[in-house]
Amino acid sequence: MAQDDAAVKTALIIMYVIGVVCLGITFFLLDKVNGKWFTKFSVGLAGVILVMGIILVNVINLN
């Protein structure tokens, strides 16, 4: 059971890092394409990243 919990934590951390990287790439591309980095899409993506961060913190603090 402990191995399963560690695997889930690792997967969540990896997903969170991938999300942050995608957010950075999105902001960079929007800045290059549109000349502005703040759009509805980037705000939505940032919201998803924040929710993932909250879930990650809660899962890590449960043990």
PDB file of N, CA and C in Angstrom:
ATOM      1  N   MET A   1       0.816  -1.198   0.000  1.00  0.00           N
ATOM      2  CA  MET A   1       0.000   0.000   0.000  1.00  0.00           C
ATOM      3  C   MET A   1       0.859   1.261   0.000  1.00  0.00           C
ATOM      4  N   ALA A   2       1.945   1.235   0.739  1.00  0.00           N
ATOM      5  CA  ALA A   2       2.831   2.404   0.798  1.00  0.00           C
ATOM      6  C   ALA A   2       3.466   2.672  -0.559  1.00  0.00           C
ATOM      7  N   GLN A   3       3.754   1.595  -1.301  1.00  0.00           N
ATOM      8  CA  GLN A   3       4.336   1.780  -2.628  1.00  0.00           C
ATOM      9  C   GLN A   3       3.325   2.430  -3.571  1.00  0.00           C
ATOM     10  N   ASP A   4       2.063   2.062  -3.425  1.00  0.00           N
ATOM     11  CA  ASP A   4       1.025   2.672  -4.258  1.00  0.00           C
ATOM     12  C   ASP A   4       0.882   4.156  -3.958  1.00  0.00           C
ATOM     13  N   ASP A   5       0.929   4.512  -2.677  1.00  0.00           N
ATOM     14  CA  ASP A   5       0.839   5.921  -2.292  1.00  0.00           C
ATOM     15  C   ASP A   5       2.016   6.715  -2.849  1.00  0.00           C
ATOM     16  N   ALA A   6       3.206   6.131  -2.783  1.00  0.00           N
ATOM     17  CA  ALA A   6       4.392   6.810  -3.313  1.00  0.00           C
ATOM     18  C   ALA A   6       4.285   6.977  -4.827  1.00  0.00           C
ATOM     19  N   ALA A   7       3.737   5.982  -5.503  1.00  0.00           N
ATOM     20  CA  ALA A   7       3.575   6.063  -6.960  1.00  0.00           C
ATOM     21  C   ALA A   7       2.582   7.160  -7.333  1.00  0.00           C
ATOM     22  N   VAL A   8       1.506   7.279  -6.574  1.00  0.00           N
ATOM     23  CA  VAL A   8       0.517   8.317  -6.844  1.00  0.00           C
ATOM     24  C   VAL A   8       1.125   9.693  -6.605  1.00  0.00           C
ATOM     25  N   LYS A   9       1.859   9.849  -5.516  1.00  0.00           N
ATOM     26  CA  LYS A   9       2.515  11.134  -5.228  1.00  0.00           C
ATOM     27  C   LYS A   9       3.495  11.500  -6.335  1.00  0.00           C
ATOM     28  N   THR A  10       4.273  10.538  -6.782  1.00  0.00           N
ATOM     29  CA  THR A  10       5.231  10.794  -7.855  1.00  0.00           C
ATOM     30  C   THR A  10       4.518  11.199  -9.136  1.00  0.00           C
ATOM     31  N   ALA A  11       3.437  10.507  -9.457  1.00  0.00           N
ATOM     32  CA  ALA A  11       2.676  10.835 -10.663  1.00  0.00           C
ATOM     33  C   ALA A  11       2.091  12.242 -10.564  1.00  0.00           C
ATOM     34  N   LEU A  12       1.564  12.615  -9.407  1.00  0.00           N
ATOM     35  CA  LEU A  12       0.999  13.952  -9.238  1.00  0.00           C
ATOM     36  C   LEU A  12       2.069  15.033  -9.353  1.00  0.00           C
ATOM     37  N   ILE A  13       3.231  14.783  -8.786  1.00  0.00           N
ATOM     38  CA  ILE A  13       4.324  15.753  -8.885  1.00  0.00           C
ATOM     39  C   ILE A  13       4.758  15.920 -10.334  1.00  0.00           C
ATOM     40  N   ILE A  14       4.872  14.814 -11.058  1.00  0.00           N
ATOM     41  CA  ILE A  14       5.268  14.874 -12.470  1.00  0.00           C
ATOM     42  C   ILE A  14       4.217  15.616 -13.285  1.00  0.00           C
ATOM     43  N   MET A  15       2.932  15.342 -13.033  1.00  0.00           N
ATOM     44  CA  MET A  15       1.870  16.044 -13.754  1.00  0.00           C
ATOM     45  C   MET A  15       1.895  17.533 -13.449  1.00  0.00           C
ATOM     46  N   TYR A  16       2.161  17.893 -12.207  1.00  0.00           N
ATOM     47  CA  TYR A  16       2.213  19.303 -11.830  1.00  0.00           C
ATOM     48  C   TYR A  16       3.376  20.008 -12.532  1.00  0.00           C
ATOM     49  N   VAL A  17       4.532  19.364 -12.569  1.00  0.00           N
ATOM     50  CA  VAL A  17       5.695  19.957 -13.236  1.00  0.00           C
ATOM     51  C   VAL A  17       5.424  20.122 -14.727  1.00  0.00           C
ATOM     52  N   ILE A  18       4.822  19.111 -15.344  1.00  0.00           N
ATOM     53  CA  ILE A  18       4.482  19.202 -16.766  1.00  0.00           C
ATOM     54  C   ILE A  18       3.502  20.352 -16.991  1.00  0.00           C
ATOM     55  N   GLY A  19       2.538  20.512 -16.115  1.00  0.00           N
ATOM     56  CA  GLY A  19       1.586  21.608 -16.230  1.00  0.00           C
ATOM     57  C   GLY A  19       2.233  22.972 -16.128  1.00  0.00           C
ATOM     58  N   VAL A  20       3.170  23.119 -15.203  1.00  0.00           N
ATOM     59  CA  VAL A  20       3.876  24.394 -15.043  1.00  0.00           C
ATOM     60  C   VAL A  20       4.717  24.688 -16.278  1.00  0.00           C
ATOM     61  N   VAL A  21       5.367  23.670 -16.813  1.00  0.00           N
ATOM     62  CA  VAL A  21       6.160  23.856 -18.034  1.00  0.00           C
ATOM     63  C   VAL A  21       5.260  24.258 -19.198  1.00  0.00           C
ATOM     64  N   CYS A  22       4.117  23.588 -19.334  1.00  0.00           N
ATOM     65  CA  CYS A  22       3.168  23.942 -20.405  1.00  0.00           C
ATOM     66  C   CYS A  22       2.657  25.362 -20.233  1.00  0.00           C
ATOM     67  N   LEU A  23       2.418  25.777 -19.001  1.00  0.00           N
ATOM     68  CA  LEU A  23       1.966  27.139 -18.745  1.00  0.00           C
ATOM     69  C   LEU A  23       3.028  28.146 -19.175  1.00  0.00           C
ATOM     70  N   GLY A  24       4.276  27.869 -18.840  1.00  0.00           N
ATOM     71  CA  GLY A  24       5.366  28.756 -19.255  1.00  0.00           C
ATOM     72  C   GLY A  24       5.497  28.834 -20.766  1.00  0.00           C
ATOM     73  N   ILE A  25       5.408  27.691 -21.434  1.00  0.00           N
ATOM     74  CA  ILE A  25       5.489  27.661 -22.891  1.00  0.00           C
ATOM     75  C   ILE A  25       4.311  28.414 -23.506  1.00  0.00           C
ATOM     76  N   THR A  26       3.118  28.236 -22.932  1.00  0.00           N
ATOM     77  CA  THR A  26       1.934  28.926 -23.442  1.00  0.00           C
ATOM     78  C   THR A  26       2.092  30.433 -23.324  1.00  0.00           C
ATOM     79  N   PHE A  27       2.552  30.903 -22.168  1.00  0.00           N
ATOM     80  CA  PHE A  27       2.762  32.340 -21.992  1.00  0.00           C
ATOM     81  C   PHE A  27       3.790  32.861 -22.990  1.00  0.00           C
ATOM     82  N   PHE A  28       4.854  32.098 -23.216  1.00  0.00           N
ATOM     83  CA  PHE A  28       5.898  32.511 -24.160  1.00  0.00           C
ATOM     84  C   PHE A  28       5.341  32.579 -25.576  1.00  0.00           C
ATOM     85  N   LEU A  29       4.594  31.548 -25.989  1.00  0.00           N
ATOM     86  CA  LEU A  29       4.042  31.520 -27.343  1.00  0.00           C
ATOM     87  C   LEU A  29       2.999  32.620 -27.549  1.00  0.00           C
ATOM     88  N   LEU A  30       2.148  32.852 -26.541  1.00  0.00           N
ATOM     89  CA  LEU A  30       1.151  33.908 -26.667  1.00  0.00           C
ATOM     90  C   LEU A  30       1.813  35.268 -26.787  1.00  0.00           C
ATOM     91  N   ASP A  31       2.906  35.454 -26.070  1.00  0.00           N
ATOM     92  CA  ASP A  31       3.627  36.721 -26.153  1.00  0.00           C
ATOM     93  C   ASP A  31       4.217  36.906 -27.544  1.00  0.00           C
ATOM     94  N   LYS A  32       4.743  35.837 -28.129  1.00  0.00           N
ATOM     95  CA  LYS A  32       5.348  35.934 -29.459  1.00  0.00           C
ATOM     96  C   LYS A  32       4.304  36.076 -30.561  1.00  0.00           C
ATOM     97  N   VAL A  33       3.171  35.368 -30.440  1.00  0.00           N
ATOM     98  CA  VAL A  33       2.160  35.371 -31.487  1.00  0.00           C
ATOM     99  C   VAL A  33       1.269  36.607 -31.404  1.00  0.00           C
ATOM    100  N   ASN A  34       0.734  36.884 -30.224  1.00  0.00           N
ATOM    101  CA  ASN A  34      -0.247  37.949 -30.067  1.00  0.00           C
ATOM    102  C   ASN A  34       0.344  39.256 -29.565  1.00  0.00           C
ATOM    103  N   GLY A  35       1.534  39.203 -29.039  1.00  0.00           N
ATOM    104  CA  GLY A  35       2.118  40.396 -28.441  1.00  0.00           C
ATOM    105  C   GLY A  35       1.650  40.627 -27.021  1.00  0.00           C
ATOM    106  N   LYS A  36       0.834  39.717 -26.500  1.00  0.00           N
ATOM    107  CA  LYS A  36       0.415  39.795 -25.102  1.00  0.00           C
ATOM    108  C   LYS A  36       0.350  38.384 -24.525  1.00  0.00           C
ATOM    109  N   TRP A  37       0.719  38.261 -23.277  1.00  0.00           N
ATOM    110  CA  TRP A  37       0.778  36.932 -22.666  1.00  0.00           C
ATOM    111  C   TRP A  37      -0.450  36.645 -21.818  1.00  0.00           C
ATOM    112  N   PHE A  38      -1.307  37.624 -21.575  1.00  0.00           N
ATOM    113  CA  PHE A  38      -2.442  37.472 -20.679  1.00  0.00           C
ATOM    114  C   PHE A  38      -3.724  37.354 -21.502  1.00  0.00           C
ATOM    115  N   THR A  39      -4.222  36.136 -21.661  1.00  0.00           N
ATOM    116  CA  THR A  39      -5.468  35.905 -22.393  1.00  0.00           C
ATOM    117  C   THR A  39      -6.375  35.010 -21.554  1.00  0.00           C
ATOM    118  N   LYS A  40      -7.601  34.806 -22.015  1.00  0.00           N
ATOM    119  CA  LYS A  40      -8.532  33.930 -21.300  1.00  0.00           C
ATOM    120  C   LYS A  40      -7.990  32.509 -21.219  1.00  0.00           C
ATOM    121  N   PHE A  41      -7.348  32.063 -22.276  1.00  0.00           N
ATOM    122  CA  PHE A  41      -6.787  30.711 -22.288  1.00  0.00           C
ATOM    123  C   PHE A  41      -5.703  30.561 -21.234  1.00  0.00           C
ATOM    124  N   SER A  42      -4.811  31.541 -21.146  1.00  0.00           N
ATOM    125  CA  SER A  42      -3.723  31.436 -20.175  1.00  0.00           C
ATOM    126  C   SER A  42      -4.245  31.526 -18.748  1.00  0.00           C
ATOM    127  N   VAL A  43      -5.294  32.311 -18.529  1.00  0.00           N
ATOM    128  CA  VAL A  43      -5.891  32.390 -17.198  1.00  0.00           C
ATOM    129  C   VAL A  43      -6.530  31.054 -16.830  1.00  0.00           C
ATOM    130  N   GLY A  44      -7.210  30.423 -17.772  1.00  0.00           N
ATOM    131  CA  GLY A  44      -7.792  29.110 -17.518  1.00  0.00           C
ATOM    132  C   GLY A  44      -6.736  28.061 -17.227  1.00  0.00           C
ATOM    133  N   LEU A  45      -5.664  28.093 -17.981  1.00  0.00           N
ATOM    134  CA  LEU A  45      -4.574  27.145 -17.760  1.00  0.00           C
ATOM    135  C   LEU A  45      -3.922  27.377 -16.401  1.00  0.00           C
ATOM    136  N   ALA A  46      -3.738  28.630 -16.027  1.00  0.00           N
ATOM    137  CA  ALA A  46      -3.176  28.945 -14.716  1.00  0.00           C
ATOM    138  C   ALA A  46      -4.107  28.466 -13.603  1.00  0.00           C
ATOM    139  N   GLY A  47      -5.415  28.580 -13.825  1.00  0.00           N
ATOM    140  CA  GLY A  47      -6.379  28.081 -12.841  1.00  0.00           C
ATOM    141  C   GLY A  47      -6.267  26.577 -12.647  1.00  0.00           C
ATOM    142  N   VAL A  48      -6.114  25.853 -13.734  1.00  0.00           N
ATOM    143  CA  VAL A  48      -5.947  24.399 -13.651  1.00  0.00           C
ATOM    144  C   VAL A  48      -4.669  24.051 -12.893  1.00  0.00           C
ATOM    145  N   ILE A  49      -3.594  24.776 -13.153  1.00  0.00           N
ATOM    146  CA  ILE A  49      -2.330  24.535 -12.459  1.00  0.00           C
ATOM    147  C   ILE A  49      -2.481  24.802 -10.965  1.00  0.00           C
ATOM    148  N   LEU A  50      -3.189  25.857 -10.610  1.00  0.00           N
ATOM    149  CA  LEU A  50      -3.399  26.161  -9.195  1.00  0.00           C
ATOM    150  C   LEU A  50      -4.223  25.077  -8.506  1.00  0.00           C
ATOM    151  N   VAL A  51      -5.261  24.584  -9.163  1.00  0.00           N
ATOM    152  CA  VAL A  51      -6.069  23.514  -8.583  1.00  0.00           C
ATOM    153  C   VAL A  51      -5.232  22.258  -8.411  1.00  0.00           C
ATOM    154  N   MET A  52      -4.410  21.930  -9.403  1.00  0.00           N
ATOM    155  CA  MET A  52      -3.511  20.768  -9.280  1.00  0.00           C
ATOM    156  C   MET A  52      -2.554  20.959  -8.109  1.00  0.00           C
ATOM    157  N   GLY A  53      -2.062  22.164  -7.923  1.00  0.00           N
ATOM    158  CA  GLY A  53      -1.157  22.440  -6.797  1.00  0.00           C
ATOM    159  C   GLY A  53      -1.848  22.222  -5.465  1.00  0.00           C
ATOM    160  N   ILE A  54      -3.096  22.650  -5.353  1.00  0.00           N
ATOM    161  CA  ILE A  54      -3.849  22.450  -4.111  1.00  0.00           C
ATOM    162  C   ILE A  54      -4.062  20.969  -3.846  1.00  0.00           C
ATOM    163  N   ILE A  55      -4.425  20.221  -4.888  1.00  0.00           N
ATOM    164  CA  ILE A  55      -4.604  18.774  -4.742  1.00  0.00           C
ATOM    165  C   ILE A  55      -3.289  18.123  -4.328  1.00  0.00           C
ATOM    166  N   LEU A  56      -2.191  18.537  -4.947  1.00  0.00           N
ATOM    167  CA  LEU A  56      -0.875  17.967  -4.639  1.00  0.00           C
ATOM    168  C   LEU A  56      -0.502  18.222  -3.189  1.00  0.00           C
ATOM    169  N   VAL A  57      -0.694  19.433  -2.714  1.00  0.00           N
ATOM    170  CA  VAL A  57      -0.359  19.771  -1.325  1.00  0.00           C
ATOM    171  C   VAL A  57      -1.217  18.957  -0.360  1.00  0.00           C
ATOM    172  N   ASN A  58      -2.508  18.815  -0.658  1.00  0.00           N
ATOM    173  CA  ASN A  58      -3.391  18.040   0.212  1.00  0.00           C
ATOM    174  C   ASN A  58      -3.008  16.573   0.244  1.00  0.00           C
ATOM    175  N   VAL A  59      -2.649  15.999  -0.888  1.00  0.00           N
ATOM    176  CA  VAL A  59      -2.274  14.577  -0.923  1.00  0.00           C
ATOM    177  C   VAL A  59      -0.975  14.348  -0.154  1.00  0.00           C
ATOM    178  N   ILE A  60      -0.028  15.242  -0.287  1.00  0.00           N
ATOM    179  CA  ILE A  60       1.251  15.072   0.402  1.00  0.00           C
ATOM    180  C   ILE A  60       1.077  15.252   1.911  1.00  0.00           C
ATOM    181  N   ASN A  61       0.208  16.169   2.322  1.00  0.00           N
ATOM    182  CA  ASN A  61       0.030  16.420   3.752  1.00  0.00           C
ATOM    183  C   ASN A  61      -0.872  15.409   4.439  1.00  0.00           C
ATOM    184  N   LEU A  62      -1.565  14.550   3.709  1.00  0.00           N
ATOM    185  CA  LEU A  62      -2.433  13.571   4.327  1.00  0.00           C
ATOM    186  C   LEU A  62      -1.666  12.502   5.091  1.00  0.00           C
ATOM    187  N   ASN A  63      -0.453  12.217   4.667  1.00  0.00           N
ATOM    188  CA  ASN A  63       0.308  11.147   5.332  1.00  0.00           C
ATOM    189  C   ASN A  63       1.134  11.678   6.422  1.00  0.00           C
TER     190      ASN A  63
END
